[in-house]
Amino acid sequence: MSLTFGIVRVMEQKLDLLAEKVERVSALVARLRAEKAALTERLLAAESGRTALQRNMESARSRIEALIQQLPEGKT
């Protein structure tokens, strides 16, 4: 009977270790999901900022080109 008890005890220990590993993996998955969500949010904000900068640059380019057209031509 002690052999059976020993086997059961070893199996319980292995199950406990497995449960701990599952808990750690679960916590890691939750942390990685939260990190992914935060990174996705930052990426969307960066892309939005980049788009706004591109519009500002195009607007500035258009204004500069309009000003260049207004400059008198050089006399040679």
N, C-alpha and C. Protein backbone atom coordinates (compact mmCIF):
# COMPACT_ATOMS: atom_id res chain seq x y z
N MET A 1 0.80 -1.19 0.00
CA MET A 1 0.00 0.00 0.00
C MET A 1 0.85 1.26 0.00
N SER A 2 2.02 1.20 0.57
CA SER A 2 2.89 2.37 0.59
C SER A 2 3.42 2.71 -0.81
N LEU A 3 3.57 1.68 -1.65
CA LEU A 3 4.01 1.91 -3.03
C LEU A 3 2.96 2.71 -3.79
N THR A 4 1.72 2.35 -3.61
CA THR A 4 0.61 3.07 -4.25
C THR A 4 0.57 4.50 -3.76
N PHE A 5 0.74 4.67 -2.45
CA PHE A 5 0.74 6.01 -1.87
C PHE A 5 1.88 6.84 -2.45
N GLY A 6 3.04 6.23 -2.60
CA GLY A 6 4.20 6.93 -3.16
C GLY A 6 3.95 7.36 -4.59
N ILE A 7 3.36 6.47 -5.37
CA ILE A 7 3.07 6.79 -6.77
C ILE A 7 2.06 7.93 -6.85
N VAL A 8 1.03 7.87 -6.01
CA VAL A 8 0.02 8.92 -6.00
C VAL A 8 0.65 10.25 -5.60
N ARG A 9 1.52 10.20 -4.61
CA ARG A 9 2.19 11.43 -4.16
C ARG A 9 3.04 12.04 -5.27
N VAL A 10 3.78 11.21 -5.98
CA VAL A 10 4.61 11.69 -7.08
C VAL A 10 3.73 12.30 -8.18
N MET A 11 2.64 11.64 -8.47
CA MET A 11 1.72 12.15 -9.50
C MET A 11 1.12 13.49 -9.07
N GLU A 12 0.77 13.60 -7.78
CA GLU A 12 0.23 14.86 -7.27
C GLU A 12 1.26 15.98 -7.38
N GLN A 13 2.52 15.66 -7.08
CA GLN A 13 3.58 16.66 -7.20
C GLN A 13 3.75 17.11 -8.65
N LYS A 14 3.71 16.13 -9.56
CA LYS A 14 3.84 16.46 -10.98
C LYS A 14 2.66 17.31 -11.44
N LEU A 15 1.47 16.98 -10.96
CA LEU A 15 0.29 17.77 -11.31
C LEU A 15 0.38 19.19 -10.74
N ASP A 16 0.90 19.31 -9.53
CA ASP A 16 1.08 20.63 -8.93
C ASP A 16 2.06 21.46 -9.75
N LEU A 17 3.17 20.84 -10.17
CA LEU A 17 4.15 21.55 -11.00
C LEU A 17 3.53 21.96 -12.33
N LEU A 18 2.76 21.07 -12.91
CA LEU A 18 2.10 21.37 -14.17
C LEU A 18 1.11 22.52 -13.99
N ALA A 19 0.37 22.50 -12.89
CA ALA A 19 -0.59 23.58 -12.61
C ALA A 19 0.13 24.92 -12.46
N GLU A 20 1.28 24.92 -11.80
CA GLU A 20 2.07 26.15 -11.65
C GLU A 20 2.53 26.66 -13.02
N LYS A 21 2.99 25.73 -13.85
CA LYS A 21 3.43 26.13 -15.19
C LYS A 21 2.27 26.71 -16.00
N VAL A 22 1.13 26.08 -15.90
CA VAL A 22 -0.05 26.57 -16.63
C VAL A 22 -0.42 27.97 -16.14
N GLU A 23 -0.37 28.19 -14.83
CA GLU A 23 -0.66 29.51 -14.28
C GLU A 23 0.34 30.55 -14.79
N ARG A 24 1.63 30.19 -14.84
CA ARG A 24 2.65 31.13 -15.34
C ARG A 24 2.43 31.44 -16.81
N VAL A 25 2.11 30.42 -17.59
CA VAL A 25 1.85 30.63 -19.01
C VAL A 25 0.62 31.50 -19.20
N SER A 26 -0.40 31.24 -18.41
CA SER A 26 -1.63 32.03 -18.50
C SER A 26 -1.36 33.49 -18.17
N ALA A 27 -0.57 33.74 -17.13
CA ALA A 27 -0.22 35.11 -16.75
C ALA A 27 0.61 35.77 -17.85
N LEU A 28 1.52 35.02 -18.44
CA LEU A 28 2.34 35.55 -19.52
C LEU A 28 1.48 35.91 -20.73
N VAL A 29 0.54 35.06 -21.07
CA VAL A 29 -0.36 35.32 -22.19
C VAL A 29 -1.16 36.60 -21.93
N ALA A 30 -1.66 36.76 -20.71
CA ALA A 30 -2.43 37.96 -20.37
C ALA A 30 -1.55 39.20 -20.48
N ARG A 31 -0.32 39.11 -19.98
CA ARG A 31 0.60 40.25 -20.06
C ARG A 31 0.94 40.59 -21.51
N LEU A 32 1.18 39.57 -22.32
CA LEU A 32 1.50 39.81 -23.73
C LEU A 32 0.32 40.39 -24.49
N ARG A 33 -0.89 39.96 -24.16
CA ARG A 33 -2.07 40.53 -24.81
C ARG A 33 -2.21 42.01 -24.46
N ALA A 34 -1.99 42.35 -23.19
CA ALA A 34 -2.07 43.75 -22.78
C ALA A 34 -0.98 44.57 -23.46
N GLU A 35 0.21 44.01 -23.55
CA GLU A 35 1.32 44.70 -24.21
C GLU A 35 1.02 44.89 -25.70
N LYS A 36 0.46 43.88 -26.32
CA LYS A 36 0.09 43.99 -27.74
C LYS A 36 -0.94 45.09 -27.94
N ALA A 37 -1.93 45.14 -27.06
CA ALA A 37 -2.97 46.17 -27.17
C ALA A 37 -2.35 47.56 -27.03
N ALA A 38 -1.45 47.72 -26.08
CA ALA A 38 -0.79 49.01 -25.88
C ALA A 38 0.06 49.37 -27.10
N LEU A 39 0.79 48.41 -27.63
CA LEU A 39 1.63 48.68 -28.80
C LEU A 39 0.78 49.00 -30.03
N THR A 40 -0.34 48.31 -30.17
CA THR A 40 -1.25 48.59 -31.29
C THR A 40 -1.77 50.01 -31.19
N GLU A 41 -2.12 50.42 -29.98
CA GLU A 41 -2.62 51.78 -29.77
C GLU A 41 -1.53 52.81 -30.11
N ARG A 42 -0.30 52.54 -29.66
CA ARG A 42 0.80 53.45 -29.97
C ARG A 42 1.07 53.51 -31.46
N LEU A 43 0.99 52.37 -32.14
CA LEU A 43 1.22 52.33 -33.57
C LEU A 43 0.16 53.15 -34.31
N LEU A 44 -1.10 52.98 -33.92
CA LEU A 44 -2.17 53.74 -34.57
C LEU A 44 -1.98 55.23 -34.35
N ALA A 45 -1.57 55.63 -33.16
CA ALA A 45 -1.32 57.05 -32.87
C ALA A 45 -0.15 57.56 -33.71
N ALA A 46 0.90 56.76 -33.83
CA ALA A 46 2.07 57.17 -34.62
C ALA A 46 1.70 57.30 -36.10
N GLU A 47 0.91 56.35 -36.60
CA GLU A 47 0.49 56.42 -38.00
C GLU A 47 -0.39 57.65 -38.24
N SER A 48 -1.25 57.94 -37.30
CA SER A 48 -2.10 59.13 -37.42
C SER A 48 -1.25 60.38 -37.41
N GLY A 49 -0.27 60.43 -36.53
CA GLY A 49 0.64 61.58 -36.48
C GLY A 49 1.44 61.72 -37.77
N ARG A 50 1.87 60.61 -38.31
CA ARG A 50 2.63 60.63 -39.57
C ARG A 50 1.76 61.16 -40.70
N THR A 51 0.51 60.73 -40.74
CA THR A 51 -0.41 61.19 -41.77
C THR A 51 -0.62 62.70 -41.65
N ALA A 52 -0.78 63.19 -40.42
CA ALA A 52 -0.95 64.63 -40.21
C ALA A 52 0.30 65.39 -40.65
N LEU A 53 1.46 64.86 -40.35
CA LEU A 53 2.71 65.52 -40.78
C LEU A 53 2.83 65.54 -42.30
N GLN A 54 2.43 64.46 -42.94
CA GLN A 54 2.48 64.42 -44.40
C GLN A 54 1.56 65.48 -44.99
N ARG A 55 0.37 65.65 -44.42
CA ARG A 55 -0.56 66.68 -44.90
C ARG A 55 0.03 68.07 -44.69
N ASN A 56 0.65 68.29 -43.53
CA ASN A 56 1.28 69.59 -43.26
C ASN A 56 2.41 69.86 -44.23
N MET A 57 3.21 68.85 -44.54
CA MET A 57 4.31 69.03 -45.48
C MET A 57 3.79 69.34 -46.87
N GLU A 58 2.74 68.65 -47.29
CA GLU A 58 2.17 68.92 -48.61
C GLU A 58 1.59 70.32 -48.68
N SER A 59 0.95 70.74 -47.60
CA SER A 59 0.40 72.09 -47.55
C SER A 59 1.53 73.12 -47.62
N ALA A 60 2.59 72.90 -46.87
CA ALA A 60 3.74 73.82 -46.90
C ALA A 60 4.38 73.83 -48.28
N ARG A 61 4.50 72.67 -48.90
CA ARG A 61 5.08 72.58 -50.24
C ARG A 61 4.24 73.40 -51.23
N SER A 62 2.93 73.26 -51.13
CA SER A 62 2.05 74.01 -52.03
C SER A 62 2.19 75.50 -51.82
N ARG A 63 2.26 75.93 -50.56
CA ARG A 63 2.42 77.37 -50.29
C ARG A 63 3.76 77.89 -50.81
N ILE A 64 4.81 77.11 -50.62
CA ILE A 64 6.13 77.52 -51.11
C ILE A 64 6.14 77.60 -52.63
N GLU A 65 5.54 76.62 -53.29
CA GLU A 65 5.47 76.65 -54.76
C GLU A 65 4.67 77.86 -55.23
N ALA A 66 3.60 78.20 -54.52
CA ALA A 66 2.81 79.39 -54.88
C ALA A 66 3.64 80.65 -54.70
N LEU A 67 4.42 80.71 -53.63
CA LEU A 67 5.28 81.88 -53.40
C LEU A 67 6.36 81.98 -54.47
N ILE A 68 6.91 80.84 -54.86
CA ILE A 68 7.94 80.83 -55.91
C ILE A 68 7.36 81.37 -57.21
N GLN A 69 6.12 81.02 -57.51
CA GLN A 69 5.48 81.49 -58.74
C GLN A 69 5.29 83.01 -58.71
N GLN A 70 5.19 83.58 -57.53
CA GLN A 70 4.98 85.02 -57.41
C GLN A 70 6.28 85.81 -57.48
N LEU A 71 7.41 85.13 -57.36
CA LEU A 71 8.71 85.83 -57.43
C LEU A 71 8.91 86.36 -58.86
N PRO A 72 9.49 87.57 -58.94
CA PRO A 72 9.77 88.08 -60.28
C PRO A 72 10.89 87.25 -60.92
N GLU A 73 10.81 87.15 -62.24
CA GLU A 73 11.84 86.41 -62.96
C GLU A 73 13.12 87.24 -62.98
N GLY A 74 14.25 86.57 -62.91
CA GLY A 74 15.52 87.26 -62.93
C GLY A 74 15.80 87.82 -64.32
N LYS A 75 16.42 89.04 -64.36
CA LYS A 75 16.79 89.66 -65.66
C LYS A 75 18.20 89.24 -66.02
N THR A 76 18.39 88.85 -67.26
CA THR A 76 19.73 88.45 -67.71
C THR A 76 20.23 89.37 -68.77
